[in-house]
């Protein structure tokens, strides 16, 4: 992320001890107490997306932000 992008993301960061709802998993947490939040970003462009919980960020990273992989995951889950 560029310095300008990091600044833009930090301006949108929810403050500690406030209720945060992850836009991916929709889990409600208290920032810095019940979960950490991270500035998610596109790994190809470096552009910041949104603040999400660290669990969802890890999941997206493991699936390499690849929609085709995520579609296969969905198909897999539907089968079972």
PDB file of N, CA and C in Angstrom:
ATOM      1  N   UNK A   1       0.834  -1.173   0.000  1.00  0.00           N
ATOM      2  CA  UNK A   1       0.000   0.000   0.000  1.00  0.00           C
ATOM      3  C   UNK A   1       0.884   1.243   0.000  1.00  0.00           C
ATOM      4  N   UNK A   2       0.482   2.209  -0.761  1.00  0.00           N
ATOM      5  CA  UNK A   2       1.227   3.468  -0.755  1.00  0.00           C
ATOM      6  C   UNK A   2       0.945   4.218   0.545  1.00  0.00           C
ATOM      7  N   UNK A   3       1.752   5.216   0.828  1.00  0.00           N
ATOM      8  CA  UNK A   3       1.550   6.017   2.034  1.00  0.00           C
ATOM      9  C   UNK A   3       0.189   6.710   1.990  1.00  0.00           C
ATOM     10  N   UNK A   4      -0.201   7.202   0.814  1.00  0.00           N
ATOM     11  CA  UNK A   4      -1.492   7.876   0.671  1.00  0.00           C
ATOM     12  C   UNK A   4      -2.638   6.891   0.903  1.00  0.00           C
ATOM     13  N   UNK A   5      -2.480   5.688   0.379  1.00  0.00           N
ATOM     14  CA  UNK A   5      -3.512   4.657   0.551  1.00  0.00           C
ATOM     15  C   UNK A   5      -3.618   4.261   2.021  1.00  0.00           C
ATOM     16  N   UNK A   6      -2.487   4.104   2.672  1.00  0.00           N
ATOM     17  CA  UNK A   6      -2.467   3.759   4.101  1.00  0.00           C
ATOM     18  C   UNK A   6      -3.148   4.858   4.918  1.00  0.00           C
ATOM     19  N   UNK A   7      -2.881   6.119   4.563  1.00  0.00           N
ATOM     20  CA  UNK A   7      -3.502   7.251   5.266  1.00  0.00           C
ATOM     21  C   UNK A   7      -5.015   7.225   5.077  1.00  0.00           C
ATOM     22  N   UNK A   8      -5.455   6.976   3.852  1.00  0.00           N
ATOM     23  CA  UNK A   8      -6.895   6.914   3.557  1.00  0.00           C
ATOM     24  C   UNK A   8      -7.565   5.810   4.362  1.00  0.00           C
ATOM     25  N   UNK A   9      -6.929   4.649   4.421  1.00  0.00           N
ATOM     26  CA  UNK A   9      -7.493   3.527   5.178  1.00  0.00           C
ATOM     27  C   UNK A   9      -7.519   3.840   6.672  1.00  0.00           C
ATOM     28  N   UNK A  10      -6.444   4.423   7.186  1.00  0.00           N
ATOM     29  CA  UNK A  10      -6.391   4.740   8.616  1.00  0.00           C
ATOM     30  C   UNK A  10      -7.457   5.753   9.028  1.00  0.00           C
ATOM     31  N   UNK A  11      -7.812   6.649   8.117  1.00  0.00           N
ATOM     32  CA  UNK A  11      -8.861   7.620   8.412  1.00  0.00           C
ATOM     33  C   UNK A  11     -10.221   6.942   8.568  1.00  0.00           C
ATOM     34  N   UNK A  12     -10.381   5.763   7.958  1.00  0.00           N
ATOM     35  CA  UNK A  12     -11.649   5.034   8.024  1.00  0.00           C
ATOM     36  C   UNK A  12     -11.645   3.955   9.110  1.00  0.00           C
ATOM     37  N   UNK A  13     -10.542   3.818   9.835  1.00  0.00           N
ATOM     38  CA  UNK A  13     -10.428   2.755  10.832  1.00  0.00           C
ATOM     39  C   UNK A  13     -11.358   3.001  12.012  1.00  0.00           C
ATOM     40  N   UNK A  14     -12.167   2.004  12.366  1.00  0.00           N
ATOM     41  CA  UNK A  14     -13.004   2.163  13.560  1.00  0.00           C
ATOM     42  C   UNK A  14     -12.121   2.252  14.804  1.00  0.00           C
ATOM     43  N   UNK A  15     -12.457   3.124  15.739  1.00  0.00           N
ATOM     44  CA  UNK A  15     -11.639   3.273  16.948  1.00  0.00           C
ATOM     45  C   UNK A  15     -11.723   2.041  17.851  1.00  0.00           C
ATOM     46  N   UNK A  16     -10.681   1.840  18.648  1.00  0.00           N
ATOM     47  CA  UNK A  16     -10.681   0.750  19.617  1.00  0.00           C
ATOM     48  C   UNK A  16     -11.889   0.868  20.539  1.00  0.00           C
ATOM     49  N   UNK A  17     -12.322  -0.274  21.008  1.00  0.00           N
ATOM     50  CA  UNK A  17     -13.429  -0.404  21.970  1.00  0.00           C
ATOM     51  C   UNK A  17     -14.784  -0.004  21.403  1.00  0.00           C
ATOM     52  N   UNK A  18     -14.895   0.070  20.069  1.00  0.00           N
ATOM     53  CA  UNK A  18     -16.202   0.305  19.453  1.00  0.00           C
ATOM     54  C   UNK A  18     -16.674  -0.994  18.814  1.00  0.00           C
ATOM     55  N   UNK A  19     -17.987  -1.110  18.643  1.00  0.00           N
ATOM     56  CA  UNK A  19     -18.545  -2.300  18.012  1.00  0.00           C
ATOM     57  C   UNK A  19     -18.268  -2.216  16.515  1.00  0.00           C
ATOM     58  N   UNK A  20     -17.797  -3.323  15.981  1.00  0.00           N
ATOM     59  CA  UNK A  20     -17.455  -3.416  14.563  1.00  0.00           C
ATOM     60  C   UNK A  20     -18.124  -4.655  13.996  1.00  0.00           C
ATOM     61  N   UNK A  21     -18.715  -4.534  12.816  1.00  0.00           N
ATOM     62  CA  UNK A  21     -19.301  -5.678  12.131  1.00  0.00           C
ATOM     63  C   UNK A  21     -18.477  -5.919  10.878  1.00  0.00           C
ATOM     64  N   UNK A  22     -17.854  -7.093  10.805  1.00  0.00           N
ATOM     65  CA  UNK A  22     -17.029  -7.429   9.641  1.00  0.00           C
ATOM     66  C   UNK A  22     -17.922  -7.503   8.401  1.00  0.00           C
ATOM     67  N   UNK A  23     -17.543  -6.814   7.310  1.00  0.00           N
ATOM     68  CA  UNK A  23     -18.363  -6.852   6.099  1.00  0.00           C
ATOM     69  C   UNK A  23     -18.328  -8.199   5.384  1.00  0.00           C
ATOM     70  N   UNK A  24     -17.419  -9.087   5.773  1.00  0.00           N
ATOM     71  CA  UNK A  24     -17.333 -10.403   5.143  1.00  0.00           C
ATOM     72  C   UNK A  24     -18.157 -11.433   5.911  1.00  0.00           C
ATOM     73  N   UNK A  25     -17.838 -11.640   7.186  1.00  0.00           N
ATOM     74  CA  UNK A  25     -18.507 -12.682   7.977  1.00  0.00           C
ATOM     75  C   UNK A  25     -19.678 -12.153   8.797  1.00  0.00           C
ATOM     76  N   UNK A  26     -19.795 -10.837   8.894  1.00  0.00           N
ATOM     77  CA  UNK A  26     -20.839 -10.144   9.645  1.00  0.00           C
ATOM     78  C   UNK A  26     -20.783 -10.409  11.157  1.00  0.00           C
ATOM     79  N   UNK A  27     -19.641 -10.883  11.639  1.00  0.00           N
ATOM     80  CA  UNK A  27     -19.471 -11.086  13.073  1.00  0.00           C
ATOM     81  C   UNK A  27     -19.305  -9.730  13.749  1.00  0.00           C
ATOM     82  N   UNK A  28     -20.003  -9.567  14.880  1.00  0.00           N
ATOM     83  CA  UNK A  28     -19.894  -8.337  15.669  1.00  0.00           C
ATOM     84  C   UNK A  28     -18.782  -8.528  16.693  1.00  0.00           C
ATOM     85  N   UNK A  29     -17.881  -7.584  16.746  1.00  0.00           N
ATOM     86  CA  UNK A  29     -16.782  -7.648  17.703  1.00  0.00           C
ATOM     87  C   UNK A  29     -16.552  -6.262  18.294  1.00  0.00           C
ATOM     88  N   UNK A  30     -15.757  -6.230  19.344  1.00  0.00           N
ATOM     89  CA  UNK A  30     -15.324  -4.962  19.916  1.00  0.00           C
ATOM     90  C   UNK A  30     -13.872  -4.788  19.508  1.00  0.00           C
ATOM     91  N   UNK A  31     -13.611  -3.750  18.740  1.00  0.00           N
ATOM     92  CA  UNK A  31     -12.289  -3.524  18.158  1.00  0.00           C
ATOM     93  C   UNK A  31     -11.212  -3.526  19.244  1.00  0.00           C
ATOM     94  N   UNK A  32     -10.197  -4.363  19.038  1.00  0.00           N
ATOM     95  CA  UNK A  32      -9.058  -4.418  19.933  1.00  0.00           C
ATOM     96  C   UNK A  32      -9.299  -5.203  21.210  1.00  0.00           C
ATOM     97  N   UNK A  33     -10.535  -5.665  21.427  1.00  0.00           N
ATOM     98  CA  UNK A  33     -10.815  -6.419  22.645  1.00  0.00           C
ATOM     99  C   UNK A  33     -11.218  -7.849  22.299  1.00  0.00           C
ATOM    100  N   UNK A  34     -12.271  -8.016  21.510  1.00  0.00           N
ATOM    101  CA  UNK A  34     -12.703  -9.374  21.162  1.00  0.00           C
ATOM    102  C   UNK A  34     -12.158  -9.831  19.817  1.00  0.00           C
ATOM    103  N   UNK A  35     -11.621  -8.924  19.034  1.00  0.00           N
ATOM    104  CA  UNK A  35     -11.006  -9.297  17.757  1.00  0.00           C
ATOM    105  C   UNK A  35     -10.146  -8.141  17.264  1.00  0.00           C
ATOM    106  N   UNK A  36      -9.202  -8.491  16.426  1.00  0.00           N
ATOM    107  CA  UNK A  36      -8.401  -7.473  15.749  1.00  0.00           C
ATOM    108  C   UNK A  36      -9.010  -7.237  14.380  1.00  0.00           C
ATOM    109  N   UNK A  37      -8.888  -6.025  13.897  1.00  0.00           N
ATOM    110  CA  UNK A  37      -9.310  -5.744  12.537  1.00  0.00           C
ATOM    111  C   UNK A  37      -8.078  -5.337  11.741  1.00  0.00           C
ATOM    112  N   UNK A  38      -8.148  -5.594  10.449  1.00  0.00           N
ATOM    113  CA  UNK A  38      -7.011  -5.290   9.587  1.00  0.00           C
ATOM    114  C   UNK A  38      -7.488  -4.572   8.324  1.00  0.00           C
ATOM    115  N   UNK A  39      -6.594  -3.798   7.759  1.00  0.00           N
ATOM    116  CA  UNK A  39      -6.888  -3.111   6.500  1.00  0.00           C
ATOM    117  C   UNK A  39      -6.654  -4.107   5.375  1.00  0.00           C
ATOM    118  N   UNK A  40      -7.731  -4.629   4.819  1.00  0.00           N
ATOM    119  CA  UNK A  40      -7.623  -5.573   3.715  1.00  0.00           C
ATOM    120  C   UNK A  40      -7.203  -4.819   2.458  1.00  0.00           C
ATOM    121  N   UNK A  41      -6.425  -5.473   1.618  1.00  0.00           N
ATOM    122  CA  UNK A  41      -5.982  -4.822   0.387  1.00  0.00           C
ATOM    123  C   UNK A  41      -5.856  -5.835  -0.738  1.00  0.00           C
ATOM    124  N   UNK A  42      -5.926  -5.335  -1.950  1.00  0.00           N
ATOM    125  CA  UNK A  42      -5.748  -6.149  -3.144  1.00  0.00           C
ATOM    126  C   UNK A  42      -4.269  -6.450  -3.276  1.00  0.00           C
ATOM    127  N   UNK A  43      -3.910  -7.722  -3.328  1.00  0.00           N
ATOM    128  CA  UNK A  43      -2.497  -8.100  -3.360  1.00  0.00           C
ATOM    129  C   UNK A  43      -1.827  -7.812  -4.702  1.00  0.00           C
ATOM    130  N   UNK A  44      -2.623  -7.632  -5.749  1.00  0.00           N
ATOM    131  CA  UNK A  44      -2.035  -7.294  -7.052  1.00  0.00           C
ATOM    132  C   UNK A  44      -1.775  -5.799  -7.183  1.00  0.00           C
ATOM    133  N   UNK A  45      -2.758  -4.983  -6.768  1.00  0.00           N
ATOM    134  CA  UNK A  45      -2.629  -3.541  -6.961  1.00  0.00           C
ATOM    135  C   UNK A  45      -2.138  -2.810  -5.714  1.00  0.00           C
ATOM    136  N   UNK A  46      -2.301  -3.445  -4.553  1.00  0.00           N
ATOM    137  CA  UNK A  46      -1.938  -2.808  -3.297  1.00  0.00           C
ATOM    138  C   UNK A  46      -3.007  -1.855  -2.782  1.00  0.00           C
ATOM    139  N   UNK A  47      -4.092  -1.686  -3.545  1.00  0.00           N
ATOM    140  CA  UNK A  47      -5.147  -0.753  -3.155  1.00  0.00           C
ATOM    141  C   UNK A  47      -5.931  -1.302  -1.965  1.00  0.00           C
ATOM    142  N   UNK A  48      -6.165  -0.432  -0.979  1.00  0.00           N
ATOM    143  CA  UNK A  48      -6.942  -0.808   0.190  1.00  0.00           C
ATOM    144  C   UNK A  48      -8.394  -1.032  -0.176  1.00  0.00           C
ATOM    145  N   UNK A  49      -9.014  -2.011   0.517  1.00  0.00           N
ATOM    146  CA  UNK A  49     -10.428  -2.275   0.274  1.00  0.00           C
ATOM    147  C   UNK A  49     -11.246  -1.787   1.468  1.00  0.00           C
ATOM    148  N   UNK A  50     -11.313  -2.590   2.523  1.00  0.00           N
ATOM    149  CA  UNK A  50     -12.067  -2.213   3.719  1.00  0.00           C
ATOM    150  C   UNK A  50     -11.370  -2.788   4.930  1.00  0.00           C
ATOM    151  N   UNK A  51     -11.832  -2.370   6.101  1.00  0.00           N
ATOM    152  CA  UNK A  51     -11.407  -2.988   7.344  1.00  0.00           C
ATOM    153  C   UNK A  51     -12.229  -4.248   7.530  1.00  0.00           C
ATOM    154  N   UNK A  52     -11.558  -5.365   7.812  1.00  0.00           N
ATOM    155  CA  UNK A  52     -12.237  -6.630   8.053  1.00  0.00           C
ATOM    156  C   UNK A  52     -11.591  -7.299   9.259  1.00  0.00           C
ATOM    157  N   UNK A  53     -12.251  -8.332   9.788  1.00  0.00           N
ATOM    158  CA  UNK A  53     -11.658  -9.028  10.932  1.00  0.00           C
ATOM    159  C   UNK A  53     -10.440  -9.825  10.480  1.00  0.00           C
ATOM    160  N   UNK A  54      -9.546 -10.078  11.398  1.00  0.00           N
ATOM    161  CA  UNK A  54      -8.312 -10.772  11.033  1.00  0.00           C
ATOM    162  C   UNK A  54      -8.571 -12.197  10.557  1.00  0.00           C
ATOM    163  N   UNK A  55      -9.623 -12.835  11.035  1.00  0.00           N
ATOM    164  CA  UNK A  55      -9.941 -14.196  10.577  1.00  0.00           C
ATOM    165  C   UNK A  55     -10.312 -14.193   9.098  1.00  0.00           C
ATOM    166  N   UNK A  56     -11.151 -13.266   8.687  1.00  0.00           N
ATOM    167  CA  UNK A  56     -11.541 -13.191   7.277  1.00  0.00           C
ATOM    168  C   UNK A  56     -10.352 -12.798   6.406  1.00  0.00           C
ATOM    169  N   UNK A  57      -9.516 -11.913   6.904  1.00  0.00           N
ATOM    170  CA  UNK A  57      -8.335 -11.523   6.143  1.00  0.00           C
ATOM    171  C   UNK A  57      -7.417 -12.720   5.909  1.00  0.00           C
ATOM    172  N   UNK A  58      -7.249 -13.541   6.938  1.00  0.00           N
ATOM    173  CA  UNK A  58      -6.428 -14.744   6.795  1.00  0.00           C
ATOM    174  C   UNK A  58      -7.042 -15.693   5.774  1.00  0.00           C
ATOM    175  N   UNK A  59      -8.362 -15.869   5.851  1.00  0.00           N
ATOM    176  CA  UNK A  59      -9.046 -16.750   4.900  1.00  0.00           C
ATOM    177  C   UNK A  59      -8.885 -16.284   3.468  1.00  0.00           C
ATOM    178  N   UNK A  60      -9.098 -14.990   3.237  1.00  0.00           N
ATOM    179  CA  UNK A  60      -8.936 -14.464   1.881  1.00  0.00           C
ATOM    180  C   UNK A  60      -7.509 -14.658   1.387  1.00  0.00           C
ATOM    181  N   UNK A  61      -6.562 -14.430   2.275  1.00  0.00           N
ATOM    182  CA  UNK A  61      -5.160 -14.606   1.896  1.00  0.00           C
ATOM    183  C   UNK A  61      -4.839 -16.041   1.536  1.00  0.00           C
ATOM    184  N   UNK A  62      -5.382 -16.979   2.280  1.00  0.00           N
ATOM    185  CA  UNK A  62      -5.122 -18.398   1.992  1.00  0.00           C
ATOM    186  C   UNK A  62      -5.730 -18.837   0.675  1.00  0.00           C
ATOM    187  N   UNK A  63      -6.831 -18.186   0.289  1.00  0.00           N
ATOM    188  CA  UNK A  63      -7.435 -18.494  -1.008  1.00  0.00           C
ATOM    189  C   UNK A  63      -6.930 -17.545  -2.094  1.00  0.00           C
ATOM    190  N   UNK A  64      -5.910 -16.781  -1.774  1.00  0.00           N
ATOM    191  CA  UNK A  64      -5.186 -15.921  -2.722  1.00  0.00           C
ATOM    192  C   UNK A  64      -6.072 -14.905  -3.430  1.00  0.00           C
ATOM    193  N   UNK A  65      -7.155 -14.481  -2.772  1.00  0.00           N
ATOM    194  CA  UNK A  65      -8.093 -13.523  -3.376  1.00  0.00           C
ATOM    195  C   UNK A  65      -8.588 -14.013  -4.742  1.00  0.00           C
ATOM    196  N   UNK A  66      -8.596 -15.307  -4.949  1.00  0.00           N
ATOM    197  CA  UNK A  66      -8.937 -15.885  -6.251  1.00  0.00           C
ATOM    198  C   UNK A  66     -10.404 -16.318  -6.263  1.00  0.00           C
ATOM    199  N   UNK A  67     -11.211 -15.626  -7.052  1.00  0.00           N
ATOM    200  CA  UNK A  67     -12.641 -15.911  -7.116  1.00  0.00           C
ATOM    201  C   UNK A  67     -12.897 -17.341  -7.584  1.00  0.00           C
ATOM    202  N   UNK A  68     -12.108 -17.844  -8.522  1.00  0.00           N
ATOM    203  CA  UNK A  68     -12.304 -19.218  -9.012  1.00  0.00           C
ATOM    204  C   UNK A  68     -12.114 -20.228  -7.879  1.00  0.00           C
ATOM    205  N   UNK A  69     -11.113 -20.014  -7.043  1.00  0.00           N
ATOM    206  CA  UNK A  69     -10.900 -20.912  -5.905  1.00  0.00           C
ATOM    207  C   UNK A  69     -12.085 -20.817  -4.951  1.00  0.00           C
ATOM    208  N   UNK A  70     -12.525 -19.611  -4.660  1.00  0.00           N
ATOM    209  CA  UNK A  70     -13.646 -19.423  -3.744  1.00  0.00           C
ATOM    210  C   UNK A  70     -14.929 -20.044  -4.304  1.00  0.00           C
ATOM    211  N   UNK A  71     -15.130 -19.980  -5.614  1.00  0.00           N
ATOM    212  CA  UNK A  71     -16.296 -20.637  -6.220  1.00  0.00           C
ATOM    213  C   UNK A  71     -16.213 -22.152  -6.054  1.00  0.00           C
ATOM    214  N   UNK A  72     -14.996 -22.714  -6.170  1.00  0.00           N
ATOM    215  CA  UNK A  72     -14.833 -24.155  -5.938  1.00  0.00           C
ATOM    216  C   UNK A  72     -15.118 -24.503  -4.483  1.00  0.00           C
ATOM    217  N   UNK A  73     -14.713 -23.626  -3.571  1.00  0.00           N
ATOM    218  CA  UNK A  73     -15.003 -23.833  -2.148  1.00  0.00           C
ATOM    219  C   UNK A  73     -16.517 -23.863  -1.934  1.00  0.00           C
ATOM    220  N   UNK A  74     -17.230 -22.917  -2.542  1.00  0.00           N
ATOM    221  CA  UNK A  74     -18.689 -22.878  -2.415  1.00  0.00           C
ATOM    222  C   UNK A  74     -19.300 -24.158  -2.972  1.00  0.00           C
ATOM    223  N   UNK A  75     -18.856 -24.588  -4.151  1.00  0.00           N
ATOM    224  CA  UNK A  75     -19.366 -25.835  -4.738  1.00  0.00           C
ATOM    225  C   UNK A  75     -19.102 -27.017  -3.816  1.00  0.00           C
ATOM    226  N   UNK A  76     -17.931 -27.073  -3.252  1.00  0.00           N
ATOM    227  CA  UNK A  76     -17.564 -28.143  -2.322  1.00  0.00           C
ATOM    228  C   UNK A  76     -18.519 -28.167  -1.130  1.00  0.00           C
ATOM    229  N   UNK A  77     -18.725 -26.987  -0.523  1.00  0.00           N
ATOM    230  CA  UNK A  77     -19.612 -26.908   0.642  1.00  0.00           C
ATOM    231  C   UNK A  77     -21.037 -27.295   0.301  1.00  0.00           C
ATOM    232  N   UNK A  78     -21.499 -26.934  -0.902  1.00  0.00           N
ATOM    233  CA  UNK A  78     -22.850 -27.301  -1.311  1.00  0.00           C
ATOM    234  C   UNK A  78     -23.003 -28.813  -1.469  1.00  0.00           C
ATOM    235  N   UNK A  79     -21.936 -29.489  -1.895  1.00  0.00           N
ATOM    236  CA  UNK A  79     -21.983 -30.950  -2.051  1.00  0.00           C
ATOM    237  C   UNK A  79     -22.099 -31.659  -0.718  1.00  0.00           C
ATOM    238  N   UNK A  80     -21.552 -31.057   0.335  1.00  0.00           N
ATOM    239  CA  UNK A  80     -21.526 -31.724   1.634  1.00  0.00           C
ATOM    240  C   UNK A  80     -22.305 -30.935   2.654  1.00  0.00           C
TER     241      UNK A  80
END
